[in-house]
Amino acid sequence: MGGRGRGGQDHYRAADRRRPERRGRDVRPGPERANAPTGHATIGPQAAATVTIAKHRPLAPGATFTDADGDLVTVNLLGPAGTAAVYLTDGFGPISELDLSGTDSARSVLRISVKKGPLGDGRVAIDEVVGTGVKLFAAPKADLVEAGMTFTSFVGSLSLGNVENGADLALAGAPPTANGATAITVGVIGDGTDISITGAPLGRLKAVAVGVGSIAAPSIGSVVVTGRAKTRTTPAVPGDFESSLTIAGAGVAAKVPALKSLRVAGAVSGGTILAGGAAGTVGDVGSVKAGAFVGSRLFAGYSAPDNGSGTFNAPGSVGSFVVTGKSDAFARSYVIAGALKSVRLASVKTDNGGTRFGFLAHESIRHLSVADPAFRYASGGSITQGLGDFEANIV
């Protein structure tokens, strides 16, 4: 991370000014902040923004500062209204806090760019972001590292680097247009991160990998976990998804899935995916495709135990479920829905120590096949079918 926790020369020198309620840091006294100098910039027609950085010097438009390892960081707010206040650690990057106030969810744009210095890493860390929403928050070279990000109104598009150290994302507020949705693009989401979207659909979440944590939204268009190839300086990332995923399915129009698609390059591992488990909600899942699905649960329009004896809420179907891994790729997992339309598994680990697992449907299983070992669900055959501990049943 660009200079996190390091001191340096006296350039835009500042006290470490973070929220006192965060981890006991008494670093943001009210009177000093009220008297902090500001720089006013007009960017485009009727576009004004105020940027506050450090205690001593106002910044020119573009809010540029040098990170502790020599990277040049620029924070730029464009739009008809609002302010962005930037607080640095000991006068240098990383950014300890970024406060947005009075911004416009339909028109404000916040950009953070990083120009790599001779000894820098070309990245900057951000501890905390708080305040009002924006149309676009573009910071692909900025890593969210600690306290996290909390917006009190809608954010249209959010791009970040990695999300680390349990930093959380909380996005609230209704979109300014009827069809508005939030799109999030990040690098690796580490363990301990909770993502909460309220008031608007999550149109897309795209990440390199997702660690152990939680993701919740009223409805989701797509979740895409890509993985990353090995480079000369970084190891390969397989693109696993280990988080729980809760889609309320509330307020979703008829015939629109609660979760349209989930694409995971690696394994869905140890996660629980719940779509529309409450009465009166929509629990349809359009499609799921993963390299492996291990020790996980997918409940579509269903709530309660793995054995299918709980409550089914119509509608709640899975359109397509595909696992591509060639060796034991589906194991120790349950998929339960009102209806299963198409299930194709390249391989199943059938031995689970005598504990049943597999696919349960309340109404129908239209197609279910396994390549290794060879198995095909016989529609209209016996209710209980399977291999070893693996089962495909109507309950």
Protein backbone atom coordinates (compact mmCIF):
# COMPACT_ATOMS: atom_id res chain seq x y z
CA MET A 1 0.00 0.00 0.00
CA GLY A 2 1.29 3.41 -0.91
CA GLY A 3 2.99 4.66 2.23
CA ARG A 4 0.49 3.34 4.78
CA GLY A 5 1.68 4.16 8.27
CA ARG A 6 4.87 5.94 7.18
CA GLY A 7 6.03 9.45 7.93
CA GLY A 8 8.09 11.73 5.69
CA GLN A 9 9.11 15.24 4.71
CA ASP A 10 7.09 18.34 5.64
CA HIS A 11 4.97 18.62 2.47
CA TYR A 12 1.27 19.46 3.06
CA ARG A 13 1.98 18.51 6.68
CA ALA A 14 -1.05 17.46 8.75
CA ALA A 15 -1.97 15.80 11.99
CA ASP A 16 -3.38 12.29 11.69
CA ARG A 17 -7.07 13.29 11.58
CA ARG A 18 -9.37 10.28 11.76
CA ARG A 19 -12.75 9.75 13.39
CA PRO A 20 -12.36 9.51 17.19
CA GLU A 21 -15.03 6.82 17.43
CA ARG A 22 -13.00 4.57 15.17
CA ARG A 23 -10.69 2.37 17.25
CA GLY A 24 -10.21 5.06 19.91
CA ARG A 25 -8.28 7.55 17.77
CA ASP A 26 -8.74 11.09 19.12
CA VAL A 27 -7.50 12.75 15.97
CA ARG A 28 -10.19 15.03 14.59
CA PRO A 29 -10.83 18.00 16.89
CA GLY A 30 -13.81 20.14 15.92
CA PRO A 31 -12.34 23.67 16.13
CA GLU A 32 -9.25 22.80 14.12
CA ARG A 33 -11.33 21.20 11.42
CA ALA A 34 -13.63 24.21 11.24
CA ASN A 35 -10.62 26.48 10.63
CA ALA A 36 -8.88 24.17 8.16
CA PRO A 37 -8.03 25.99 4.92
CA THR A 38 -9.97 25.10 1.80
CA GLY A 39 -9.33 25.47 -1.89
CA HIS A 40 -12.28 26.36 -4.14
CA ALA A 41 -12.34 25.14 -7.71
CA THR A 42 -14.77 25.62 -10.57
CA ILE A 43 -14.65 22.65 -12.91
CA GLY A 44 -16.83 22.99 -16.00
CA PRO A 45 -20.08 24.90 -16.14
CA GLN A 46 -21.48 25.48 -12.67
CA ALA A 47 -19.11 22.85 -11.25
CA ALA A 48 -17.69 23.83 -7.88
CA ALA A 49 -15.89 21.73 -5.31
CA THR A 50 -14.03 22.41 -2.07
CA VAL A 51 -11.09 20.25 -1.08
CA THR A 52 -9.56 20.44 2.38
CA ILE A 53 -6.25 18.76 3.04
CA ALA A 54 -4.00 19.10 6.09
CA LYS A 55 -4.06 22.14 8.41
CA HIS A 56 -1.81 24.67 6.77
CA ARG A 57 -2.08 24.98 3.00
CA PRO A 58 -4.99 25.13 0.58
CA LEU A 59 -4.61 22.98 -2.52
CA ALA A 60 -5.04 24.04 -6.11
CA PRO A 61 -7.88 22.46 -8.10
CA GLY A 62 -7.28 18.74 -8.44
CA ALA A 63 -6.13 18.23 -4.82
CA THR A 64 -2.74 16.70 -5.62
CA PHE A 65 -0.37 15.43 -2.95
CA THR A 66 2.70 13.23 -2.80
CA ASP A 67 2.37 9.85 -1.14
CA ALA A 68 4.99 8.80 1.40
CA ASP A 69 6.68 6.51 -1.12
CA GLY A 70 6.72 9.17 -3.83
CA ASP A 71 3.53 8.46 -5.80
CA LEU A 72 1.55 11.49 -6.98
CA VAL A 73 -2.09 11.22 -5.90
CA THR A 74 -4.88 13.42 -7.27
CA VAL A 75 -8.37 13.69 -5.77
CA ASN A 76 -10.88 15.44 -8.01
CA LEU A 77 -14.57 16.15 -7.37
CA LEU A 78 -16.64 17.29 -10.34
CA GLY A 79 -20.29 18.25 -10.27
CA PRO A 80 -22.73 21.06 -9.66
CA ALA A 81 -22.49 20.95 -5.85
CA GLY A 82 -20.81 19.37 -2.87
CA THR A 83 -17.48 19.26 -1.10
CA ALA A 84 -14.77 16.65 -0.60
CA ALA A 85 -12.54 16.93 2.47
CA VAL A 86 -9.38 14.82 2.38
CA TYR A 87 -7.40 14.01 5.54
CA LEU A 88 -3.94 12.50 5.34
CA THR A 89 -1.85 10.45 7.72
CA ASP A 90 0.94 12.71 9.01
CA GLY A 91 0.52 14.97 5.99
CA PHE A 92 1.11 12.18 3.47
CA GLY A 93 -0.85 9.37 1.87
CA PRO A 94 -2.43 7.09 2.74
CA ILE A 95 -5.73 8.93 3.02
CA SER A 96 -7.00 8.53 6.55
CA GLU A 97 -10.44 9.92 5.72
CA LEU A 98 -12.42 11.26 2.77
CA ASP A 99 -15.63 13.14 3.64
CA LEU A 100 -18.24 13.93 0.99
CA SER A 101 -20.98 16.45 1.73
CA GLY A 102 -23.82 17.81 -0.39
CA THR A 103 -22.86 15.80 -3.48
CA ASP A 104 -25.39 14.83 -6.15
CA SER A 105 -26.07 11.13 -6.79
CA ALA A 106 -27.15 11.93 -10.34
CA ARG A 107 -24.22 14.14 -11.39
CA SER A 108 -21.28 14.24 -8.96
CA VAL A 109 -18.08 12.40 -9.95
CA LEU A 110 -15.20 11.65 -7.56
CA ARG A 111 -11.93 10.46 -9.12
CA ILE A 112 -8.73 9.39 -7.38
CA SER A 113 -5.76 8.85 -9.69
CA VAL A 114 -2.24 7.73 -8.83
CA LYS A 115 0.90 8.43 -10.85
CA LYS A 116 3.68 6.03 -9.86
CA GLY A 117 6.81 7.64 -8.47
CA PRO A 118 10.37 6.31 -8.96
CA LEU A 119 10.17 4.26 -5.73
CA GLY A 120 6.40 4.03 -5.39
CA ASP A 121 3.97 1.18 -5.95
CA GLY A 122 1.46 3.19 -7.96
CA ARG A 123 -1.27 2.75 -5.33
CA VAL A 124 -2.74 4.65 -2.40
CA ALA A 125 -4.59 3.36 0.66
CA ILE A 126 -7.84 4.80 2.01
CA ASP A 127 -8.89 4.11 5.59
CA GLU A 128 -12.39 5.58 5.54
CA VAL A 129 -14.92 7.20 3.19
CA VAL A 130 -18.10 8.76 4.57
CA GLY A 131 -20.85 11.06 3.34
CA THR A 132 -23.31 11.66 0.53
CA GLY A 133 -23.55 9.69 -2.71
CA VAL A 134 -22.16 10.26 -6.19
CA LYS A 135 -22.90 9.13 -9.73
CA LEU A 136 -19.36 7.76 -10.09
CA PHE A 137 -16.63 7.00 -7.55
CA ALA A 138 -13.60 6.00 -9.62
CA ALA A 139 -10.52 4.93 -7.66
CA PRO A 140 -9.14 1.73 -9.24
CA LYS A 141 -5.64 2.35 -7.81
CA ALA A 142 -6.91 3.01 -4.28
CA ASP A 143 -7.18 0.16 -1.75
CA LEU A 144 -9.78 0.35 1.02
CA VAL A 145 -7.84 -0.89 4.00
CA GLU A 146 -9.52 -0.48 7.37
CA ALA A 147 -12.64 1.34 8.55
CA GLY A 148 -14.47 1.13 5.22
CA MET A 149 -16.97 3.13 3.22
CA THR A 150 -20.39 4.47 4.27
CA PHE A 151 -22.64 6.45 1.92
CA THR A 152 -25.92 7.93 3.11
CA SER A 153 -27.35 8.26 -0.41
CA PHE A 154 -27.17 6.43 -3.72
CA VAL A 155 -23.90 5.58 -5.49
CA GLY A 156 -24.25 4.71 -9.16
CA SER A 157 -20.85 3.21 -9.94
CA LEU A 158 -18.00 2.39 -7.57
CA SER A 159 -14.55 1.15 -8.56
CA LEU A 160 -11.75 0.41 -6.09
CA GLY A 161 -8.58 -1.61 -5.85
CA ASN A 162 -8.46 -4.27 -3.15
CA VAL A 163 -10.67 -4.28 -0.05
CA GLU A 164 -8.60 -5.38 2.94
CA ASN A 165 -8.41 -5.73 6.73
CA GLY A 166 -12.16 -6.23 7.14
CA ALA A 167 -13.12 -2.90 5.57
CA ASP A 168 -16.89 -2.77 5.04
CA LEU A 169 -19.02 -1.17 2.33
CA ALA A 170 -22.44 0.27 3.25
CA LEU A 171 -24.38 1.97 0.45
CA ALA A 172 -27.83 3.39 1.17
CA GLY A 173 -30.44 5.45 -0.59
CA ALA A 174 -32.82 5.18 -3.52
CA PRO A 175 -31.53 5.78 -7.06
CA PRO A 176 -32.38 9.08 -8.77
CA THR A 177 -33.99 7.23 -11.70
CA ALA A 178 -36.56 4.44 -11.74
CA ASN A 179 -34.15 1.88 -13.23
CA GLY A 180 -31.07 2.94 -11.30
CA ALA A 181 -28.78 0.30 -9.82
CA THR A 182 -25.36 0.24 -8.17
CA ALA A 183 -22.36 -1.28 -9.96
CA ILE A 184 -19.25 -2.25 -7.97
CA THR A 185 -15.89 -3.23 -9.46
CA VAL A 186 -13.05 -4.16 -7.10
CA GLY A 187 -9.90 -6.25 -6.93
CA VAL A 188 -9.58 -8.86 -4.22
CA ILE A 189 -12.11 -8.64 -1.37
CA GLY A 190 -10.37 -10.05 1.71
CA ASP A 191 -11.82 -11.90 4.68
CA GLY A 192 -14.06 -10.04 7.11
CA THR A 193 -15.70 -7.62 4.66
CA ASP A 194 -19.45 -7.02 4.82
CA ILE A 195 -21.16 -5.36 1.85
CA SER A 196 -24.64 -3.96 2.43
CA ILE A 197 -26.74 -2.37 -0.33
CA THR A 198 -30.09 -0.90 0.73
CA GLY A 199 -32.64 1.14 -1.16
CA ALA A 200 -31.41 0.14 -4.62
CA PRO A 201 -30.60 -3.02 -6.58
CA LEU A 202 -27.00 -4.16 -6.95
CA GLY A 203 -26.74 -4.22 -10.71
CA ARG A 204 -23.31 -5.83 -10.80
CA LEU A 205 -20.51 -6.89 -8.48
CA LYS A 206 -17.25 -7.75 -10.22
CA ALA A 207 -14.22 -8.86 -8.20
CA VAL A 208 -11.01 -10.84 -8.64
CA ALA A 209 -11.81 -12.96 -5.55
CA VAL A 210 -14.21 -12.73 -2.60
CA GLY A 211 -13.15 -13.90 0.86
CA VAL A 212 -15.17 -14.91 3.91
CA GLY A 213 -17.75 -12.22 4.68
CA SER A 214 -21.28 -11.22 3.70
CA ILE A 215 -23.06 -9.49 0.82
CA ALA A 216 -26.69 -8.33 1.03
CA ALA A 217 -28.91 -6.49 -1.47
CA PRO A 218 -32.60 -6.25 -2.42
CA SER A 219 -31.83 -7.88 -5.78
CA ILE A 220 -28.70 -8.52 -7.85
CA GLY A 221 -28.12 -8.47 -11.57
CA SER A 222 -24.79 -10.28 -11.70
CA VAL A 223 -21.91 -11.38 -9.50
CA VAL A 224 -18.72 -12.08 -11.46
CA VAL A 225 -15.55 -13.43 -9.81
CA THR A 226 -12.80 -13.53 -12.41
CA GLY A 227 -9.59 -14.71 -10.76
CA ARG A 228 -6.26 -13.36 -12.02
CA ALA A 229 -3.40 -14.88 -13.98
CA LYS A 230 0.13 -15.00 -12.57
CA THR A 231 2.45 -12.15 -13.48
CA ARG A 232 6.15 -11.57 -12.92
CA THR A 233 5.43 -9.83 -9.62
CA THR A 234 2.16 -11.36 -8.38
CA PRO A 235 0.89 -14.93 -7.90
CA ALA A 236 -2.18 -16.25 -9.64
CA VAL A 237 -5.54 -15.77 -7.91
CA PRO A 238 -7.97 -18.65 -8.62
CA GLY A 239 -11.08 -16.51 -8.22
CA ASP A 240 -12.88 -18.21 -5.33
CA PHE A 241 -16.11 -16.96 -3.75
CA GLU A 242 -16.32 -17.67 0.01
CA SER A 243 -18.89 -15.12 1.17
CA SER A 244 -22.51 -15.49 2.15
CA LEU A 245 -24.89 -13.85 -0.31
CA THR A 246 -28.36 -12.72 0.76
CA ILE A 247 -30.82 -11.39 -1.82
CA ALA A 248 -34.06 -10.24 -0.22
CA GLY A 249 -36.04 -10.48 -3.45
CA ALA A 250 -38.26 -7.69 -2.18
CA GLY A 251 -39.75 -5.21 -4.62
CA VAL A 252 -38.50 -7.14 -7.64
CA ALA A 253 -40.83 -7.01 -10.64
CA ALA A 254 -42.60 -10.17 -11.74
CA LYS A 255 -40.50 -12.51 -13.92
CA VAL A 256 -37.26 -10.79 -12.90
CA PRO A 257 -34.85 -13.03 -10.95
CA ALA A 258 -33.74 -12.04 -7.49
CA LEU A 259 -30.26 -13.05 -8.69
CA LYS A 260 -29.84 -12.99 -12.46
CA SER A 261 -26.40 -14.63 -12.63
CA LEU A 262 -23.45 -15.80 -10.56
CA ARG A 263 -20.17 -16.55 -12.39
CA VAL A 264 -17.20 -17.81 -10.38
CA ALA A 265 -13.93 -18.74 -12.09
CA GLY A 266 -12.73 -20.73 -9.08
CA ALA A 267 -14.78 -22.39 -6.34
CA VAL A 268 -17.86 -21.37 -4.43
CA SER A 269 -16.60 -22.56 -1.06
CA GLY A 270 -18.22 -22.48 2.38
CA GLY A 271 -20.84 -19.94 1.34
CA THR A 272 -24.60 -19.72 1.76
CA ILE A 273 -26.59 -18.11 -1.03
CA LEU A 274 -30.13 -17.16 -0.01
CA ALA A 275 -32.53 -15.74 -2.62
CA GLY A 276 -35.98 -14.61 -1.51
CA GLY A 277 -36.40 -16.76 1.57
CA ALA A 278 -39.27 -14.74 3.08
CA ALA A 279 -42.97 -14.94 2.23
CA GLY A 280 -44.05 -12.55 -0.51
CA THR A 281 -40.57 -12.24 -2.04
CA VAL A 282 -39.08 -13.41 -5.34
CA GLY A 283 -36.47 -16.15 -5.06
CA ASP A 284 -35.70 -16.95 -8.69
CA VAL A 285 -32.04 -17.47 -9.66
CA GLY A 286 -31.30 -17.17 -13.37
CA SER A 287 -27.99 -18.99 -13.68
CA VAL A 288 -24.99 -20.19 -11.66
CA LYS A 289 -21.69 -21.29 -13.18
CA ALA A 290 -18.59 -22.15 -11.13
CA GLY A 291 -15.44 -24.20 -11.36
CA ALA A 292 -16.45 -25.95 -8.13
CA PHE A 293 -19.25 -25.78 -5.56
CA VAL A 294 -17.99 -27.19 -2.26
CA GLY A 295 -19.39 -27.06 1.28
CA SER A 296 -21.94 -24.47 0.22
CA ARG A 297 -25.70 -23.85 0.04
CA LEU A 298 -27.97 -22.29 -2.55
CA PHE A 299 -31.58 -21.79 -1.45
CA ALA A 300 -33.92 -20.23 -4.04
CA GLY A 301 -37.28 -19.28 -2.57
CA TYR A 302 -36.68 -21.61 0.36
CA SER A 303 -35.77 -21.22 4.01
CA ALA A 304 -34.84 -23.59 6.84
CA PRO A 305 -32.98 -26.95 7.01
CA ASP A 306 -30.96 -28.75 4.35
CA ASN A 307 -33.41 -31.64 4.17
CA GLY A 308 -36.10 -29.70 2.32
CA SER A 309 -38.60 -29.82 5.16
CA GLY A 310 -38.71 -26.04 5.50
CA THR A 311 -40.85 -23.41 3.76
CA PHE A 312 -40.93 -22.89 -0.02
CA ASN A 313 -41.93 -19.43 -1.26
CA ALA A 314 -43.18 -19.19 -4.83
CA PRO A 315 -41.63 -18.22 -7.11
CA GLY A 316 -38.25 -19.77 -6.39
CA SER A 317 -36.47 -21.53 -9.23
CA VAL A 318 -32.95 -22.09 -10.54
CA GLY A 319 -32.75 -21.73 -14.30
CA SER A 320 -29.27 -23.11 -14.94
CA PHE A 321 -26.68 -24.57 -12.56
CA VAL A 322 -23.32 -25.60 -14.06
CA VAL A 323 -20.14 -26.87 -12.36
CA THR A 324 -17.17 -27.36 -14.70
CA GLY A 325 -14.38 -28.84 -12.55
CA LYS A 326 -13.23 -32.29 -13.67
CA SER A 327 -12.52 -33.82 -10.24
CA ASP A 328 -14.91 -33.86 -7.23
CA ALA A 329 -16.08 -30.36 -8.16
CA PHE A 330 -19.53 -30.65 -6.56
CA ALA A 331 -19.25 -31.85 -2.95
CA ARG A 332 -20.90 -31.50 0.48
CA SER A 333 -23.42 -28.97 -0.82
CA TYR A 334 -27.15 -28.54 -1.17
CA VAL A 335 -29.14 -26.69 -3.82
CA ILE A 336 -32.82 -26.37 -2.86
CA ALA A 337 -35.47 -24.58 -4.92
CA GLY A 338 -39.10 -24.73 -5.90
CA ALA A 339 -38.01 -25.91 -9.35
CA LEU A 340 -34.70 -26.89 -10.97
CA LYS A 341 -34.65 -26.41 -14.73
CA SER A 342 -31.15 -27.44 -15.85
CA VAL A 343 -28.31 -28.86 -13.75
CA ARG A 344 -25.06 -30.01 -15.39
CA LEU A 345 -22.15 -31.20 -13.25
CA ALA A 346 -18.81 -32.26 -14.68
CA SER A 347 -17.93 -34.21 -11.52
CA VAL A 348 -19.34 -35.08 -8.10
CA LYS A 349 -17.63 -36.40 -4.97
CA THR A 350 -20.29 -38.92 -3.99
CA ASP A 351 -18.79 -39.94 -0.62
CA ASN A 352 -19.77 -37.61 2.21
CA GLY A 353 -19.35 -39.94 5.17
CA GLY A 354 -22.97 -41.03 5.10
CA THR A 355 -24.42 -37.48 5.15
CA ARG A 356 -26.75 -36.77 2.26
CA PHE A 357 -26.22 -33.79 -0.07
CA GLY A 358 -27.27 -32.74 -3.55
CA PHE A 359 -30.35 -31.19 -5.20
CA LEU A 360 -33.88 -30.92 -3.84
CA ALA A 361 -36.88 -29.41 -5.59
CA HIS A 362 -40.41 -28.88 -4.37
CA GLU A 363 -42.12 -29.03 -7.77
CA SER A 364 -39.87 -30.40 -10.51
CA ILE A 365 -36.38 -31.26 -11.75
CA ARG A 366 -36.45 -30.82 -15.52
CA HIS A 367 -32.87 -31.91 -16.24
CA LEU A 368 -29.98 -33.03 -14.02
CA SER A 369 -26.88 -34.84 -15.27
CA VAL A 370 -23.41 -35.71 -13.96
CA ALA A 371 -20.50 -36.58 -16.24
CA ASP A 372 -18.25 -38.25 -13.63
CA PRO A 373 -19.53 -40.57 -12.30
CA ALA A 374 -22.16 -40.88 -15.02
CA PHE A 375 -25.64 -40.11 -13.71
CA ARG A 376 -28.82 -38.70 -15.16
CA TYR A 377 -31.97 -37.82 -13.27
CA ALA A 378 -34.95 -39.73 -14.63
CA SER A 379 -37.96 -37.45 -14.74
CA GLY A 380 -41.01 -39.45 -13.76
CA GLY A 381 -38.88 -42.14 -12.13
CA SER A 382 -38.55 -42.88 -8.43
CA ILE A 383 -38.60 -39.85 -6.15
CA THR A 384 -35.25 -40.68 -4.53
CA GLN A 385 -32.37 -40.93 -7.00
CA GLY A 386 -28.62 -40.50 -6.72
CA LEU A 387 -25.16 -42.02 -6.26
CA GLY A 388 -23.63 -42.77 -2.87
CA ASP A 389 -24.43 -39.82 -0.58
CA PHE A 390 -25.37 -37.61 -3.54
CA GLU A 391 -29.11 -37.28 -4.10
CA ALA A 392 -31.59 -35.64 -6.47
CA ASN A 393 -35.07 -35.59 -4.98
CA ILE A 394 -38.51 -34.05 -5.14
CA VAL A 395 -39.58 -33.04 -1.63
